[in-house]
C-alpha atoms as a PDB file:
ATOM      1  CA  MET A   1      -2.018 -59.784 -62.381  1.00  0.00           C
ATOM      2  CA  LYS A   2       0.620 -59.536 -59.625  1.00  0.00           C
ATOM      3  CA  ASP A   3      -1.389 -56.860 -57.836  1.00  0.00           C
ATOM      4  CA  LYS A   4      -4.493 -59.070 -57.927  1.00  0.00           C
ATOM      5  CA  ASN A   5      -2.536 -62.005 -56.416  1.00  0.00           C
ATOM      6  CA  LYS A   6      -1.128 -59.709 -53.705  1.00  0.00           C
ATOM      7  CA  ILE A   7      -4.640 -58.574 -52.812  1.00  0.00           C
ATOM      8  CA  ILE A   8      -5.903 -62.160 -52.634  1.00  0.00           C
ATOM      9  CA  VAL A   9      -2.955 -63.214 -50.436  1.00  0.00           C
ATOM     10  CA  PHE A  10      -3.500 -60.155 -48.239  1.00  0.00           C
ATOM     11  CA  ILE A  11      -7.197 -60.998 -47.807  1.00  0.00           C
ATOM     12  CA  ILE A  12      -6.367 -64.637 -46.950  1.00  0.00           C
ATOM     13  CA  VAL A  13      -3.767 -63.541 -44.384  1.00  0.00           C
ATOM     14  CA  ILE A  14      -6.228 -61.114 -42.784  1.00  0.00           C
ATOM     15  CA  ALA A  15      -8.943 -63.812 -42.708  1.00  0.00           C
ATOM     16  CA  ILE A  16      -6.573 -66.311 -41.067  1.00  0.00           C
ATOM     17  CA  PHE A  17      -5.550 -63.646 -38.548  1.00  0.00           C
ATOM     18  CA  PHE A  18      -9.151 -62.941 -37.547  1.00  0.00           C
ATOM     19  CA  ILE A  19     -10.037 -66.637 -37.369  1.00  0.00           C
ATOM     20  CA  GLY A  20      -6.982 -67.239 -35.166  1.00  0.00           C
ATOM     21  CA  LEU A  21      -7.849 -64.256 -32.993  1.00  0.00           C
ATOM     22  CA  PHE A  22     -11.409 -65.534 -32.594  1.00  0.00           C
ATOM     23  CA  LEU A  23     -10.242 -69.038 -31.672  1.00  0.00           C
ATOM     24  CA  TYR A  24      -7.653 -67.693 -29.223  1.00  0.00           C
ATOM     25  CA  ALA A  25     -10.080 -65.298 -27.541  1.00  0.00           C
ATOM     26  CA  THR A  26     -12.873 -67.849 -27.171  1.00  0.00           C
ATOM     27  CA  PRO A  27     -12.464 -69.563 -23.779  1.00  0.00           C
ATOM     28  CA  GLY A  28     -12.722 -73.332 -23.772  1.00  0.00           C
ATOM     29  CA  LYS A  29     -15.599 -73.459 -21.349  1.00  0.00           C
ATOM     30  CA  ASN A  30     -18.000 -76.278 -20.759  1.00  0.00           C
ATOM     31  CA  VAL A  31     -21.189 -74.441 -19.895  1.00  0.00           C
ATOM     32  CA  ASN A  32     -23.995 -76.563 -18.574  1.00  0.00           C
ATOM     33  CA  LYS A  33     -27.011 -74.706 -19.965  1.00  0.00           C
ATOM     34  CA  GLU A  34     -29.512 -76.646 -17.897  1.00  0.00           C
ATOM     35  CA  THR A  35     -28.185 -75.243 -14.635  1.00  0.00           C
ATOM     36  CA  ASN A  36     -26.472 -72.152 -16.085  1.00  0.00           C
ATOM     37  CA  THR A  37     -23.201 -72.994 -14.349  1.00  0.00           C
ATOM     38  CA  ASP A  38     -19.689 -72.818 -15.696  1.00  0.00           C
ATOM     39  CA  ASP A  39     -17.700 -76.038 -15.293  1.00  0.00           C
ATOM     40  CA  SER A  40     -14.517 -74.723 -16.943  1.00  0.00           C
ATOM     41  CA  THR A  41     -12.663 -74.203 -13.697  1.00  0.00           C
ATOM     42  CA  LYS A  42     -12.448 -76.960 -11.180  1.00  0.00           C
ATOM     43  CA  SER A  43     -12.921 -75.784  -7.646  1.00  0.00           C
ATOM     44  CA  PRO A  44     -10.473 -76.743  -4.935  1.00  0.00           C
ATOM     45  CA  PRO A  45     -11.479 -79.701  -2.811  1.00  0.00           C
ATOM     46  CA  ALA A  46     -13.950 -78.694  -0.137  1.00  0.00           C
ATOM     47  CA  ILE A  47     -13.466 -79.510   3.518  1.00  0.00           C
ATOM     48  CA  THR A  48     -15.862 -79.317   6.388  1.00  0.00           C
ATOM     49  CA  GLY A  49     -13.360 -78.355   9.026  1.00  0.00           C
ATOM     50  CA  ASP A  50     -12.290 -81.264  11.219  1.00  0.00           C
ATOM     51  CA  LYS A  51     -11.990 -79.963  14.796  1.00  0.00           C
ATOM     52  CA  THR A  52      -9.004 -82.219  15.483  1.00  0.00           C
ATOM     53  CA  THR A  53      -6.831 -80.328  12.953  1.00  0.00           C
ATOM     54  CA  ASN A  54      -5.998 -76.678  12.435  1.00  0.00           C
ATOM     55  CA  THR A  55      -8.902 -75.882  10.158  1.00  0.00           C
ATOM     56  CA  LEU A  56     -11.767 -73.468  10.227  1.00  0.00           C
ATOM     57  CA  THR A  57     -15.342 -74.671  10.604  1.00  0.00           C
ATOM     58  CA  ALA A  58     -18.707 -73.477   9.414  1.00  0.00           C
ATOM     59  CA  PRO A  59     -22.008 -74.843  10.730  1.00  0.00           C
ATOM     60  CA  GLU A  60     -23.791 -73.931   7.483  1.00  0.00           C
ATOM     61  CA  MET A  61     -22.118 -74.282   4.103  1.00  0.00           C
ATOM     62  CA  SER A  62     -25.001 -74.059   1.639  1.00  0.00           C
ATOM     63  CA  TYR A  63     -28.072 -71.899   1.175  1.00  0.00           C
ATOM     64  CA  ASP A  64     -31.086 -71.744  -1.134  1.00  0.00           C
ATOM     65  CA  PHE A  65     -32.342 -68.230  -1.889  1.00  0.00           C
ATOM     66  CA  GLY A  66     -35.417 -69.725  -3.531  1.00  0.00           C
ATOM     67  CA  THR A  67     -36.992 -67.733  -6.355  1.00  0.00           C
ATOM     68  CA  ILE A  68     -35.947 -64.096  -6.691  1.00  0.00           C
ATOM     69  CA  SER A  69     -36.706 -61.440  -9.281  1.00  0.00           C
ATOM     70  CA  MET A  70     -34.021 -59.498 -11.152  1.00  0.00           C
ATOM     71  CA  LYS A  71     -35.991 -56.313 -10.514  1.00  0.00           C
ATOM     72  CA  ASP A  72     -35.546 -56.718  -6.733  1.00  0.00           C
ATOM     73  CA  GLY A  73     -31.741 -56.465  -6.979  1.00  0.00           C
ATOM     74  CA  ASN A  74     -28.987 -58.112  -4.948  1.00  0.00           C
ATOM     75  CA  VAL A  75     -29.520 -60.742  -2.269  1.00  0.00           C
ATOM     76  CA  SER A  76     -27.082 -61.704   0.467  1.00  0.00           C
ATOM     77  CA  LYS A  77     -26.413 -64.453   2.972  1.00  0.00           C
ATOM     78  CA  ILE A  78     -24.178 -64.469   6.056  1.00  0.00           C
ATOM     79  CA  PHE A  79     -22.182 -67.626   6.816  1.00  0.00           C
ATOM     80  CA  LYS A  80     -20.470 -67.949  10.221  1.00  0.00           C
ATOM     81  CA  VAL A  81     -16.816 -69.085  10.131  1.00  0.00           C
ATOM     82  CA  THR A  82     -15.191 -70.226  13.382  1.00  0.00           C
ATOM     83  CA  ASN A  83     -11.688 -71.112  14.505  1.00  0.00           C
ATOM     84  CA  PRO A  84     -12.241 -73.943  17.024  1.00  0.00           C
ATOM     85  CA  THR A  85      -8.508 -74.446  17.582  1.00  0.00           C
ATOM     86  CA  ASN A  86      -6.075 -73.130  20.171  1.00  0.00           C
ATOM     87  CA  GLU A  87      -4.020 -71.307  17.518  1.00  0.00           C
ATOM     88  CA  ASN A  88      -4.661 -68.304  15.312  1.00  0.00           C
ATOM     89  CA  ILE A  89      -5.441 -69.182  11.694  1.00  0.00           C
ATOM     90  CA  LYS A  90      -4.742 -66.875   8.782  1.00  0.00           C
ATOM     91  CA  VAL A  91      -7.287 -66.757   5.948  1.00  0.00           C
ATOM     92  CA  SER A  92      -5.150 -66.306   2.857  1.00  0.00           C
ATOM     93  CA  SER A  93      -7.814 -65.933   0.180  1.00  0.00           C
ATOM     94  CA  VAL A  94     -11.516 -65.613  -0.520  1.00  0.00           C
ATOM     95  CA  THR A  95     -12.683 -66.170  -4.104  1.00  0.00           C
ATOM     96  CA  THR A  96     -15.994 -66.664  -5.897  1.00  0.00           C
ATOM     97  CA  SER A  97     -16.940 -68.948  -8.762  1.00  0.00           C
ATOM     98  CA  CYS A  98     -18.482 -66.184 -10.873  1.00  0.00           C
ATOM     99  CA  MET A  99     -18.376 -62.448 -11.387  1.00  0.00           C
ATOM    100  CA  CYS A 100     -22.018 -62.216 -10.282  1.00  0.00           C
ATOM    101  CA  THR A 101     -20.965 -62.985  -6.703  1.00  0.00           C
ATOM    102  CA  VAL A 102     -18.820 -61.081  -4.219  1.00  0.00           C
ATOM    103  CA  ALA A 103     -17.938 -61.898  -0.632  1.00  0.00           C
ATOM    104  CA  TYR A 104     -16.935 -59.773   2.340  1.00  0.00           C
ATOM    105  CA  ILE A 105     -15.307 -60.742   5.610  1.00  0.00           C
ATOM    106  CA  VAL A 106     -17.265 -59.103   8.435  1.00  0.00           C
ATOM    107  CA  ARG A 107     -15.024 -58.922  11.476  1.00  0.00           C
ATOM    108  CA  GLU A 108     -16.121 -59.261  15.120  1.00  0.00           C
ATOM    109  CA  ASP A 109     -16.006 -55.455  15.486  1.00  0.00           C
ATOM    110  CA  GLY A 110     -18.490 -55.110  12.592  1.00  0.00           C
ATOM    111  CA  SER A 111     -16.005 -53.718  10.066  1.00  0.00           C
ATOM    112  CA  LYS A 112     -16.044 -55.160   6.546  1.00  0.00           C
ATOM    113  CA  SER A 113     -13.233 -56.168   4.248  1.00  0.00           C
ATOM    114  CA  ARG A 114     -13.123 -55.009   0.680  1.00  0.00           C
ATOM    115  CA  PRO A 115     -15.107 -57.196  -1.756  1.00  0.00           C
ATOM    116  CA  PHE A 116     -13.578 -60.473  -2.937  1.00  0.00           C
ATOM    117  CA  GLY A 117     -14.570 -61.806  -6.338  1.00  0.00           C
ATOM    118  CA  MET A 118     -13.805 -64.236  -9.090  1.00  0.00           C
ATOM    119  CA  PRO A 119     -10.142 -64.965  -9.915  1.00  0.00           C
ATOM    120  CA  GLY A 120      -9.116 -63.237 -13.127  1.00  0.00           C
ATOM    121  CA  HIS A 121     -12.081 -60.876 -13.102  1.00  0.00           C
ATOM    122  CA  GLY A 122     -10.730 -57.409 -12.508  1.00  0.00           C
ATOM    123  CA  GLY A 123      -7.076 -58.360 -12.176  1.00  0.00           C
ATOM    124  CA  ALA A 124      -5.051 -60.486  -9.816  1.00  0.00           C
ATOM    125  CA  VAL A 125      -6.640 -62.219  -6.851  1.00  0.00           C
ATOM    126  CA  PRO A 126      -5.844 -60.097  -3.817  1.00  0.00           C
ATOM    127  CA  LYS A 127      -4.858 -61.815  -0.597  1.00  0.00           C
ATOM    128  CA  ALA A 128      -7.336 -61.763   2.281  1.00  0.00           C
ATOM    129  CA  ASN A 129      -4.685 -61.881   5.034  1.00  0.00           C
ATOM    130  CA  GLU A 130      -7.285 -62.036   7.809  1.00  0.00           C
ATOM    131  CA  ILE A 131      -6.366 -63.610  11.139  1.00  0.00           C
ATOM    132  CA  ILE A 132      -9.027 -65.518  13.041  1.00  0.00           C
ATOM    133  CA  LYS A 133      -7.929 -65.710  16.632  1.00  0.00           C
ATOM    134  CA  ALA A 134      -8.045 -69.014  18.492  1.00  0.00           C
ATOM    135  CA  GLY A 135     -11.673 -69.611  19.469  1.00  0.00           C
ATOM    136  CA  GLY A 136     -12.762 -66.576  17.428  1.00  0.00           C
ATOM    137  CA  SER A 137     -15.035 -66.195  14.437  1.00  0.00           C
ATOM    138  CA  PHE A 138     -16.161 -63.882  11.674  1.00  0.00           C
ATOM    139  CA  ASP A 139     -19.065 -63.661   9.270  1.00  0.00           C
ATOM    140  CA  LEU A 140     -18.665 -64.234   5.553  1.00  0.00           C
ATOM    141  CA  GLU A 141     -21.227 -62.129   3.717  1.00  0.00           C
ATOM    142  CA  VAL A 142     -22.004 -63.481   0.255  1.00  0.00           C
ATOM    143  CA  VAL A 143     -23.758 -61.102  -2.153  1.00  0.00           C
ATOM    144  CA  TYR A 144     -25.332 -62.312  -5.409  1.00  0.00           C
ATOM    145  CA  ASP A 145     -26.283 -59.889  -8.185  1.00  0.00           C
ATOM    146  CA  PRO A 146     -29.078 -61.430 -10.316  1.00  0.00           C
ATOM    147  CA  ASN A 147     -28.570 -58.715 -12.963  1.00  0.00           C
ATOM    148  CA  ALA A 148     -24.879 -59.429 -13.569  1.00  0.00           C
ATOM    149  CA  HIS A 149     -25.583 -61.725 -16.526  1.00  0.00           C
ATOM    150  CA  GLY A 150     -28.312 -59.579 -18.059  1.00  0.00           C
ATOM    151  CA  PRO A 151     -31.472 -61.089 -19.532  1.00  0.00           C
ATOM    152  CA  ALA A 152     -29.707 -64.407 -20.180  1.00  0.00           C
ATOM    153  CA  GLY A 153     -29.149 -64.844 -16.443  1.00  0.00           C
ATOM    154  CA  VAL A 154     -32.601 -66.195 -15.637  1.00  0.00           C
ATOM    155  CA  GLY A 155     -33.284 -69.702 -14.405  1.00  0.00           C
ATOM    156  CA  PHE A 156     -31.628 -71.990 -11.882  1.00  0.00           C
ATOM    157  CA  ILE A 157     -28.183 -70.772 -10.766  1.00  0.00           C
ATOM    158  CA  GLU A 158     -25.580 -72.429  -8.520  1.00  0.00           C
ATOM    159  CA  ARG A 159     -22.500 -70.563  -7.328  1.00  0.00           C
ATOM    160  CA  SER A 160     -19.718 -71.010  -4.763  1.00  0.00           C
ATOM    161  CA  VAL A 161     -17.420 -68.988  -2.551  1.00  0.00           C
ATOM    162  CA  PHE A 162     -14.077 -70.477  -1.523  1.00  0.00           C
ATOM    163  CA  LEU A 163     -12.315 -69.553   1.696  1.00  0.00           C
ATOM    164  CA  GLU A 164      -8.711 -70.797   1.929  1.00  0.00           C
ATOM    165  CA  ASP A 165      -6.445 -70.690   4.967  1.00  0.00           C
ATOM    166  CA  GLU A 166      -2.654 -70.452   5.091  1.00  0.00           C
ATOM    167  CA  ASN A 167      -2.377 -74.271   5.159  1.00  0.00           C
ATOM    168  CA  ASN A 168      -4.339 -74.599   1.882  1.00  0.00           C
ATOM    169  CA  ASN A 169      -7.447 -75.915   3.638  1.00  0.00           C
ATOM    170  CA  VAL A 170     -10.522 -74.800   1.690  1.00  0.00           C
ATOM    171  CA  ILE A 171     -14.115 -74.376   2.770  1.00  0.00           C
ATOM    172  CA  GLU A 172     -16.627 -74.138  -0.080  1.00  0.00           C
ATOM    173  CA  PHE A 173     -19.833 -72.222   0.571  1.00  0.00           C
ATOM    174  CA  LYS A 174     -22.532 -72.954  -2.005  1.00  0.00           C
ATOM    175  CA  PHE A 175     -25.773 -71.258  -2.824  1.00  0.00           C
ATOM    176  CA  LYS A 176     -28.512 -71.729  -5.359  1.00  0.00           C
ATOM    177  CA  VAL A 177     -31.215 -69.449  -6.627  1.00  0.00           C
ATOM    178  CA  ASN A 178     -33.964 -69.430  -9.239  1.00  0.00           C
ATOM    179  CA  VAL A 179     -33.858 -66.071 -11.032  1.00  0.00           C
ATOM    180  CA  THR A 180     -36.915 -64.590 -12.741  1.00  0.00           C
ATOM    181  CA  PRO A 181     -37.056 -61.377 -14.818  1.00  0.00           C
END
């Protein structure tokens, strides 16, 4: 009888372990299924870049790709970022709201940075450490992969890219797309 009780206790302990592991590993995300966006992480406050302060500006901060097909692959959009001030401004980070999106800084000489992605996806968020000279600019290339979420990734999608300077000023670039198979 003691062996039977030990087995039952062992099974209960294992079951509790797996239930706890499942609950711990399941992120507490609030997914809005209608728009297929993840609201679990609040984005930093967006700014438009007031020319009277030391902030970057962007004439266009949102884009609609319209309807695209998964079979056609990635789509991209270039946003222009300008430093209208008389001082150099350091871009400290570039992050995206989802793993399906990456962003590149395209410098005035045409060279590209490494890809920037979603915080926590693939390790720590690397620093951008890009200097925009006074009166200078660069392009921010945003690339969206409609296949990143597999067959479940169809429908209306909204994503963001966040560019933050050394003074914690953030510009949010948004895009939307309707994905078909």
